[in-house]
N, C-alpha and C. Protein backbone atom coordinates (compact mmCIF):
# COMPACT_ATOMS: atom_id res chain seq x y z
N UNK A 1 -1.21 20.65 -4.42
CA UNK A 1 -1.79 19.69 -3.78
C UNK A 1 -2.44 20.68 -2.56
N UNK A 2 -3.57 20.51 -2.13
CA UNK A 2 -4.26 21.19 -0.94
C UNK A 2 -3.73 19.91 0.12
N UNK A 3 -3.80 21.05 1.45
CA UNK A 3 -4.03 20.17 2.81
C UNK A 3 -4.74 20.78 3.68
N UNK A 4 -5.55 19.59 4.42
CA UNK A 4 -6.64 20.10 4.98
C UNK A 4 -6.15 19.47 6.83
N UNK A 5 -6.37 20.09 7.79
CA UNK A 5 -6.71 19.48 8.81
C UNK A 5 -7.68 18.47 8.92
N UNK A 6 -7.62 17.66 9.88
CA UNK A 6 -8.86 16.40 9.73
C UNK A 6 -10.12 16.97 10.22
N UNK A 7 -10.18 17.56 11.35
CA UNK A 7 -11.32 18.45 11.66
C UNK A 7 -12.03 19.51 10.67
N UNK A 8 -11.15 20.12 9.70
CA UNK A 8 -11.70 21.04 8.70
C UNK A 8 -12.02 19.96 7.43
N UNK A 9 -11.22 19.14 7.19
CA UNK A 9 -11.74 17.90 5.95
C UNK A 9 -13.13 17.15 6.38
N UNK A 10 -13.30 16.72 8.02
CA UNK A 10 -14.41 16.42 8.18
C UNK A 10 -15.61 17.34 7.82
N UNK A 11 -15.43 18.55 8.12
CA UNK A 11 -16.44 19.35 8.08
C UNK A 11 -16.89 20.12 6.48
N UNK A 12 -15.77 19.39 5.91
CA UNK A 12 -15.91 19.99 4.24
C UNK A 12 -15.70 18.54 3.38
N UNK A 13 -15.90 17.19 3.83
CA UNK A 13 -16.02 16.22 3.38
C UNK A 13 -16.48 16.22 1.46
N UNK A 14 -18.00 16.50 1.63
CA UNK A 14 -18.53 16.37 0.48
C UNK A 14 -18.07 16.95 -0.55
N UNK A 15 -17.39 18.41 -0.13
CA UNK A 15 -16.89 19.38 -1.12
C UNK A 15 -15.50 18.77 -1.90
N UNK A 16 -14.68 18.31 -0.43
CA UNK A 16 -13.37 17.68 -0.85
C UNK A 16 -13.38 16.36 -1.94
N UNK A 17 -14.30 15.62 -1.27
CA UNK A 17 -14.79 14.41 -2.20
C UNK A 17 -15.17 14.79 -3.60
N UNK A 18 -16.23 15.81 -3.74
CA UNK A 18 -16.18 16.30 -5.12
C UNK A 18 -14.80 16.96 -5.97
N UNK A 19 -14.22 17.69 -5.23
CA UNK A 19 -12.61 18.28 -6.00
C UNK A 19 -12.08 17.23 -6.43
N UNK A 20 -11.82 16.02 -5.99
CA UNK A 20 -10.99 14.87 -5.94
C UNK A 20 -11.92 13.93 -7.12
N UNK A 21 -12.99 13.70 -7.12
CA UNK A 21 -13.66 12.83 -7.90
C UNK A 21 -13.83 13.75 -9.54
N UNK A 22 -14.25 14.94 -9.74
CA UNK A 22 -14.59 15.81 -10.78
C UNK A 22 -13.18 16.69 -11.31
N UNK A 23 -12.35 16.89 -10.25
CA UNK A 23 -11.54 17.96 -10.67
C UNK A 23 -9.73 17.36 -10.82
N UNK A 24 -9.78 15.49 -10.26
CA UNK A 24 -8.94 14.82 -10.08
C UNK A 24 -7.79 15.45 -9.01
N UNK A 25 -8.13 16.54 -8.01
CA UNK A 25 -7.15 16.79 -7.34
C UNK A 25 -6.33 15.80 -6.47
N UNK A 26 -5.65 15.93 -5.53
CA UNK A 26 -5.08 15.10 -4.11
C UNK A 26 -5.44 15.86 -3.13
N UNK A 27 -6.00 15.47 -2.46
CA UNK A 27 -6.24 16.27 -0.98
C UNK A 27 -5.43 15.47 0.24
N UNK A 28 -4.39 16.32 0.81
CA UNK A 28 -3.98 15.71 1.61
C UNK A 28 -4.67 16.15 3.27
N UNK A 29 -4.59 14.69 4.20
CA UNK A 29 -5.27 15.28 5.37
C UNK A 29 -4.56 15.32 6.69
N UNK A 30 -4.45 15.99 7.29
CA UNK A 30 -3.03 16.14 8.49
C UNK A 30 -4.13 15.71 9.70
N UNK A 31 -3.32 14.98 10.64
CA UNK A 31 -3.92 14.85 12.06
C UNK A 31 -2.50 15.31 13.01
N UNK A 32 -2.95 16.47 13.74
CA UNK A 32 -1.79 17.04 14.76
C UNK A 32 -0.73 17.07 13.69
N UNK A 33 -0.96 18.08 12.47
CA UNK A 33 -0.03 18.66 12.04
C UNK A 33 0.78 17.72 11.06
N UNK A 34 0.57 16.38 10.99
CA UNK A 34 1.39 15.33 10.16
C UNK A 34 0.30 14.94 8.94
N UNK A 35 0.93 14.60 8.11
CA UNK A 35 0.02 14.00 6.69
C UNK A 35 -0.34 12.74 7.54
N UNK A 36 -1.43 12.40 7.30
CA UNK A 36 -2.46 11.42 7.95
C UNK A 36 -2.80 10.09 6.92
N UNK A 37 -3.57 10.89 5.56
CA UNK A 37 -4.34 10.43 4.38
C UNK A 37 -4.45 10.96 3.66
N UNK A 38 -4.64 10.62 2.28
CA UNK A 38 -4.68 11.34 1.17
C UNK A 38 -5.97 10.92 0.59
N UNK A 39 -6.76 11.68 -0.03
CA UNK A 39 -8.08 11.90 -1.16
C UNK A 39 -7.33 11.66 -2.69
N UNK A 40 -7.55 10.21 -3.21
CA UNK A 40 -7.20 10.25 -4.66
C UNK A 40 -8.42 10.31 -5.30
N UNK A 41 -8.55 10.38 -6.86
CA UNK A 41 -9.71 9.69 -7.23
C UNK A 41 -9.37 8.09 -7.45
N UNK A 42 -10.54 7.39 -7.50
CA UNK A 42 -10.56 5.92 -7.36
C UNK A 42 -9.86 5.21 -8.44
N UNK A 43 -9.76 5.79 -9.81
CA UNK A 43 -8.91 5.65 -10.77
C UNK A 43 -7.67 5.43 -10.49
N UNK A 44 -6.98 6.63 -9.75
CA UNK A 44 -5.51 6.31 -9.48
C UNK A 44 -5.10 5.25 -8.48
N UNK A 45 -6.04 5.06 -7.65
CA UNK A 45 -5.91 3.93 -6.53
C UNK A 45 -5.97 2.95 -7.09
N UNK A 46 -6.67 2.70 -8.52
CA UNK A 46 -7.20 1.45 -8.85
C UNK A 46 -5.83 0.94 -9.47
N UNK A 47 -5.41 2.01 -10.42
CA UNK A 47 -3.72 2.02 -11.20
C UNK A 47 -2.89 1.74 -10.25
N UNK A 48 -2.87 2.67 -8.98
CA UNK A 48 -1.66 2.27 -7.74
C UNK A 48 -1.65 0.66 -7.72
N UNK A 49 -2.74 0.32 -7.08
CA UNK A 49 -2.84 -1.31 -6.81
C UNK A 49 -2.60 -2.21 -7.67
N UNK A 50 -2.88 -1.88 -8.97
CA UNK A 50 -2.21 -2.61 -10.34
C UNK A 50 -1.14 -2.70 -10.19
N UNK A 51 -0.28 -1.83 -10.07
CA UNK A 51 1.08 -1.83 -10.51
C UNK A 51 1.70 -2.28 -9.45
N UNK A 52 1.59 -2.47 -7.97
CA UNK A 52 2.18 -2.71 -7.19
C UNK A 52 1.66 -4.60 -6.92
N UNK A 53 0.72 -4.80 -7.74
CA UNK A 53 0.49 -6.24 -7.72
C UNK A 53 1.41 -6.83 -8.95
N UNK A 54 1.68 -6.03 -10.12
CA UNK A 54 2.72 -6.39 -10.98
C UNK A 54 3.99 -6.47 -10.25
N UNK A 55 4.54 -5.42 -9.50
CA UNK A 55 5.47 -5.46 -8.93
C UNK A 55 5.96 -7.09 -7.78
N UNK A 56 4.77 -7.23 -7.11
CA UNK A 56 5.00 -8.01 -5.95
C UNK A 56 4.86 -9.36 -7.19
N UNK A 57 4.05 -9.47 -7.73
CA UNK A 57 3.90 -11.18 -8.96
C UNK A 57 5.42 -11.53 -9.58
N UNK A 58 6.02 -10.11 -9.94
CA UNK A 58 7.76 -10.29 -10.47
C UNK A 58 8.52 -10.52 -9.43
N UNK A 59 8.27 -10.10 -8.13
CA UNK A 59 9.35 -10.46 -7.38
C UNK A 59 9.02 -12.07 -6.88
N UNK A 60 7.96 -12.39 -6.54
CA UNK A 60 7.51 -13.46 -6.25
C UNK A 60 8.20 -14.57 -7.27
N UNK A 61 8.09 -14.26 -8.98
CA UNK A 61 8.34 -15.00 -9.64
C UNK A 61 10.18 -15.33 -9.89
N UNK A 62 10.49 -13.98 -9.67
CA UNK A 62 11.90 -14.07 -9.48
C UNK A 62 12.36 -15.11 -8.33
N UNK A 63 11.70 -14.82 -6.90
CA UNK A 63 12.09 -15.91 -6.40
C UNK A 63 11.99 -17.50 -6.46
N UNK A 64 10.81 -17.82 -6.96
CA UNK A 64 10.60 -19.07 -7.26
C UNK A 64 11.76 -19.56 -8.47
N UNK A 65 12.08 -18.85 -9.30
CA UNK A 65 13.00 -19.23 -10.25
C UNK A 65 14.35 -19.23 -9.48
N UNK A 66 14.46 -19.16 -8.93
CA UNK A 66 15.79 -18.75 -8.53
C UNK A 66 16.25 -20.21 -7.80
N UNK A 67 17.18 -21.09 -8.14
CA UNK A 67 17.26 -22.40 -7.39
C UNK A 67 18.29 -21.92 -6.07
N UNK A 68 18.52 -20.92 -5.88
CA UNK A 68 19.09 -21.01 -4.56
C UNK A 68 18.39 -20.06 -3.62
N UNK A 69 17.04 -19.74 -3.84
CA UNK A 69 16.30 -18.96 -3.06
C UNK A 69 15.74 -19.78 -2.12
N UNK A 70 15.39 -19.54 -0.98
CA UNK A 70 14.45 -20.33 0.25
C UNK A 70 13.28 -19.96 -0.02
N UNK A 71 12.79 -20.24 -1.07
CA UNK A 71 11.22 -20.40 -1.46
C UNK A 71 10.31 -21.15 -0.78
N UNK A 72 9.10 -20.62 -0.13
CA UNK A 72 8.10 -21.59 0.76
C UNK A 72 6.70 -21.10 0.41
N UNK A 73 5.95 -22.18 -0.31
CA UNK A 73 4.77 -21.98 -0.56
C UNK A 73 3.90 -21.41 0.41
N UNK A 74 3.15 -20.73 -0.22
CA UNK A 74 2.00 -19.93 0.94
C UNK A 74 1.63 -20.64 1.81
N UNK A 75 0.87 -21.95 1.68
CA UNK A 75 0.32 -22.88 2.15
C UNK A 75 1.06 -23.41 3.54
N UNK A 76 2.53 -23.45 3.38
CA UNK A 76 3.54 -23.75 4.43
C UNK A 76 3.74 -22.56 5.34
N UNK A 77 4.15 -21.46 4.55
CA UNK A 77 4.05 -20.11 5.76
C UNK A 77 3.02 -20.22 6.52
N UNK A 78 1.67 -20.32 6.13
CA UNK A 78 0.46 -20.12 6.98
C UNK A 78 0.64 -21.29 8.24
N UNK A 79 1.05 -22.47 7.69
CA UNK A 79 1.05 -23.24 8.87
C UNK A 79 2.00 -23.15 9.57
N UNK A 80 3.47 -22.53 9.18
CA UNK A 80 4.47 -22.23 10.28
C UNK A 80 3.64 -21.03 11.42
N UNK A 81 3.24 -19.92 10.77
CA UNK A 81 2.53 -19.04 11.48
C UNK A 81 1.59 -19.23 12.42
N UNK A 82 0.65 -20.54 12.01
CA UNK A 82 -0.42 -20.92 12.82
C UNK A 82 0.29 -21.85 13.88
N UNK A 83 1.69 -22.59 13.75
CA UNK A 83 2.27 -23.06 14.95
C UNK A 83 2.62 -22.55 15.68
N UNK A 84 3.26 -21.15 15.22
CA UNK A 84 4.21 -20.17 15.97
C UNK A 84 3.16 -19.24 17.09
N UNK A 85 1.82 -19.02 16.46
CA UNK A 85 0.75 -18.69 17.39
C UNK A 85 0.40 -19.61 18.45
N UNK A 86 -0.25 -20.99 18.07
CA UNK A 86 -0.20 -22.08 19.02
C UNK A 86 0.84 -21.64 20.20
N UNK A 87 1.79 -21.97 19.71
CA UNK A 87 3.28 -22.05 21.02
C UNK A 87 2.83 -21.01 21.76
N UNK A 88 2.50 -19.70 21.36
CA UNK A 88 2.37 -18.57 22.02
C UNK A 88 1.24 -18.56 22.72
N UNK A 89 0.03 -19.14 22.63
CA UNK A 89 -1.21 -19.62 23.27
C UNK A 89 -1.88 -18.64 22.71
N UNK A 90 -1.94 -18.14 21.55
CA UNK A 90 -2.61 -16.98 20.69
C UNK A 90 -4.05 -17.91 20.14
N UNK A 91 -5.29 -17.24 19.86
CA UNK A 91 -6.05 -18.18 19.04
C UNK A 91 -5.70 -18.07 17.99
N UNK A 92 -6.08 -19.31 16.91
CA UNK A 92 -5.90 -18.97 15.59
C UNK A 92 -6.80 -17.98 14.60
N UNK A 93 -6.19 -17.53 13.80
CA UNK A 93 -6.93 -16.49 12.98
C UNK A 93 -8.18 -16.91 12.13
């Protein structure tokens, strides 16, 4: 896995995207010497998102099926958040 500073990555973006797309490489982009982003093939991103969704769904099902849990439906959570924002004087989202 290669690492490029942001300025260098910007100057070579087309080449880096080609390496990721065709060579299935991972490219780390740093900002101020610290990792800030990664270029990965789109197929890997889609797989990551699918796996994350599966985990989220399994956790939600577990909470919903646990009689001792304090499960609150999504619409009620949104209503609670809106009420909190209104109390703080924030505009509704």
